[in-house]
């Protein structure tokens, strides 16, 4: 019945950061993490600036 969505873990966020810095595409990162490309795209867009909890930016 529908899909269950969960937030990215800190480990996944760190992986997104690393792979993005290496120049991988959003789709490639999504495939490696077994997540939707839209999830990765949204993560990169939302966390492009540093915050109190994330030293970012991507």
N, C-alpha and C. Protein backbone atom coordinates (compact mmCIF):
# COMPACT_ATOMS: atom_id res chain seq x y z
N UNK A 1 0.82 -1.19 0.00
CA UNK A 1 0.00 0.00 0.00
C UNK A 1 0.86 1.25 0.00
N UNK A 2 1.18 1.79 -1.15
CA UNK A 2 2.00 3.00 -1.21
C UNK A 2 3.44 2.72 -0.85
N UNK A 3 4.23 3.75 -0.93
CA UNK A 3 5.64 3.62 -0.60
C UNK A 3 5.94 4.33 0.70
N UNK A 4 6.92 3.84 1.41
CA UNK A 4 7.38 4.48 2.63
C UNK A 4 8.64 5.28 2.30
N UNK A 5 8.64 6.54 2.63
CA UNK A 5 9.79 7.39 2.36
C UNK A 5 10.52 7.67 3.66
N UNK A 6 11.83 7.62 3.61
CA UNK A 6 12.62 7.94 4.79
C UNK A 6 13.65 8.99 4.44
N UNK A 7 14.07 9.70 5.46
CA UNK A 7 15.08 10.73 5.25
C UNK A 7 16.43 10.07 4.98
N UNK A 8 17.28 10.83 4.34
CA UNK A 8 18.64 10.35 4.12
C UNK A 8 19.37 10.33 5.46
N UNK A 9 20.14 9.29 5.68
CA UNK A 9 20.95 9.21 6.90
C UNK A 9 22.16 10.12 6.74
N UNK A 10 22.86 10.35 7.83
CA UNK A 10 24.06 11.16 7.77
C UNK A 10 25.09 10.51 6.86
N UNK A 11 25.19 9.19 6.93
CA UNK A 11 26.13 8.46 6.07
C UNK A 11 25.77 8.68 4.59
N UNK A 12 24.48 8.62 4.26
CA UNK A 12 24.05 8.85 2.88
C UNK A 12 24.36 10.28 2.45
N UNK A 13 24.15 11.23 3.34
CA UNK A 13 24.45 12.63 3.01
C UNK A 13 25.94 12.83 2.75
N UNK A 14 26.75 12.18 3.55
CA UNK A 14 28.19 12.27 3.36
C UNK A 14 28.60 11.64 2.03
N UNK A 15 27.94 10.55 1.68
CA UNK A 15 28.21 9.89 0.40
C UNK A 15 27.79 10.78 -0.76
N UNK A 16 26.63 11.41 -0.64
CA UNK A 16 26.17 12.35 -1.66
C UNK A 16 27.21 13.45 -1.85
N UNK A 17 27.68 14.00 -0.75
CA UNK A 17 28.68 15.06 -0.80
C UNK A 17 29.95 14.59 -1.52
N UNK A 18 30.46 13.44 -1.13
CA UNK A 18 31.68 12.90 -1.73
C UNK A 18 31.52 12.65 -3.22
N UNK A 19 30.44 11.97 -3.59
CA UNK A 19 30.22 11.64 -5.00
C UNK A 19 29.96 12.88 -5.84
N UNK A 20 29.25 13.85 -5.27
CA UNK A 20 28.99 15.10 -5.98
C UNK A 20 30.31 15.85 -6.23
N UNK A 21 31.18 15.86 -5.24
CA UNK A 21 32.49 16.51 -5.39
C UNK A 21 33.34 15.80 -6.44
N UNK A 22 33.14 14.49 -6.58
CA UNK A 22 33.87 13.72 -7.59
C UNK A 22 33.32 13.93 -8.99
N UNK A 23 32.19 14.63 -9.08
CA UNK A 23 31.63 14.97 -10.38
C UNK A 23 30.60 14.00 -10.92
N UNK A 24 30.12 13.08 -10.09
CA UNK A 24 29.09 12.14 -10.55
C UNK A 24 27.76 12.86 -10.74
N UNK A 25 26.98 12.37 -11.67
CA UNK A 25 25.67 12.96 -11.93
C UNK A 25 24.69 12.59 -10.81
N UNK A 26 23.61 13.33 -10.75
CA UNK A 26 22.55 13.05 -9.77
C UNK A 26 22.03 11.64 -9.96
N UNK A 27 21.83 11.22 -11.19
CA UNK A 27 21.32 9.86 -11.45
C UNK A 27 22.31 8.79 -11.02
N UNK A 28 23.58 9.03 -11.21
CA UNK A 28 24.60 8.06 -10.79
C UNK A 28 24.65 7.93 -9.27
N UNK A 29 24.57 9.07 -8.59
CA UNK A 29 24.56 9.06 -7.13
C UNK A 29 23.33 8.33 -6.62
N UNK A 30 22.19 8.62 -7.22
CA UNK A 30 20.94 7.98 -6.82
C UNK A 30 21.01 6.47 -7.00
N UNK A 31 21.58 6.02 -8.10
CA UNK A 31 21.70 4.59 -8.36
C UNK A 31 22.58 3.92 -7.31
N UNK A 32 23.67 4.55 -6.96
CA UNK A 32 24.58 3.98 -5.95
C UNK A 32 23.92 3.87 -4.59
N UNK A 33 23.08 4.84 -4.26
CA UNK A 33 22.43 4.85 -2.95
C UNK A 33 21.07 4.14 -2.97
N UNK A 34 20.67 3.71 -4.15
CA UNK A 34 19.35 3.08 -4.33
C UNK A 34 18.24 4.01 -3.84
N UNK A 35 18.35 5.25 -4.29
CA UNK A 35 17.37 6.30 -3.99
C UNK A 35 16.90 6.91 -5.29
N UNK A 36 15.83 7.65 -5.22
CA UNK A 36 15.30 8.34 -6.38
C UNK A 36 16.23 9.51 -6.75
N UNK A 37 16.35 9.74 -8.04
CA UNK A 37 17.15 10.88 -8.50
C UNK A 37 16.57 12.19 -7.98
N UNK A 38 15.26 12.26 -7.85
CA UNK A 38 14.64 13.48 -7.33
C UNK A 38 15.01 13.71 -5.87
N UNK A 39 15.18 12.64 -5.10
CA UNK A 39 15.59 12.76 -3.70
C UNK A 39 16.99 13.36 -3.62
N UNK A 40 17.88 12.88 -4.46
CA UNK A 40 19.26 13.38 -4.45
C UNK A 40 19.29 14.83 -4.93
N UNK A 41 18.55 15.13 -5.98
CA UNK A 41 18.49 16.49 -6.50
C UNK A 41 17.98 17.45 -5.43
N UNK A 42 16.94 17.05 -4.75
CA UNK A 42 16.34 17.86 -3.69
C UNK A 42 17.34 18.06 -2.55
N UNK A 43 18.04 17.00 -2.19
CA UNK A 43 19.05 17.08 -1.13
C UNK A 43 20.14 18.09 -1.50
N UNK A 44 20.62 18.02 -2.70
CA UNK A 44 21.66 18.95 -3.15
C UNK A 44 21.16 20.39 -3.16
N UNK A 45 19.94 20.59 -3.60
CA UNK A 45 19.38 21.93 -3.67
C UNK A 45 19.12 22.51 -2.28
N UNK A 46 18.53 21.72 -1.40
CA UNK A 46 18.16 22.21 -0.06
C UNK A 46 19.37 22.47 0.82
N UNK A 47 20.41 21.71 0.64
CA UNK A 47 21.55 21.80 1.55
C UNK A 47 22.78 22.37 0.87
N UNK A 48 22.57 23.27 -0.03
CA UNK A 48 23.68 23.88 -0.75
C UNK A 48 24.42 24.91 0.11
N UNK A 49 23.79 25.36 1.18
CA UNK A 49 24.40 26.36 2.05
C UNK A 49 24.66 25.75 3.44
N UNK A 50 25.73 26.19 4.10
CA UNK A 50 26.01 25.68 5.43
C UNK A 50 24.92 26.08 6.43
N UNK A 51 24.67 25.21 7.40
CA UNK A 51 23.73 25.48 8.48
C UNK A 51 24.39 25.11 9.80
N UNK A 52 23.66 25.23 10.89
CA UNK A 52 24.20 24.85 12.19
C UNK A 52 24.54 23.36 12.24
N UNK A 53 23.74 22.53 11.53
CA UNK A 53 23.93 21.09 11.59
C UNK A 53 24.73 20.54 10.43
N UNK A 54 24.84 21.29 9.35
CA UNK A 54 25.55 20.81 8.17
C UNK A 54 26.54 21.85 7.75
N UNK A 55 27.82 21.47 7.73
CA UNK A 55 28.86 22.44 7.38
C UNK A 55 28.92 22.70 5.89
N UNK A 56 28.24 21.79 5.10
CA UNK A 56 28.12 21.94 3.66
C UNK A 56 29.15 22.89 3.08
N UNK A 57 28.95 23.54 2.06
CA UNK A 57 27.88 23.28 1.09
C UNK A 57 28.26 22.14 0.17
N UNK A 58 27.28 21.63 -0.52
CA UNK A 58 27.54 20.59 -1.51
C UNK A 58 28.28 21.20 -2.66
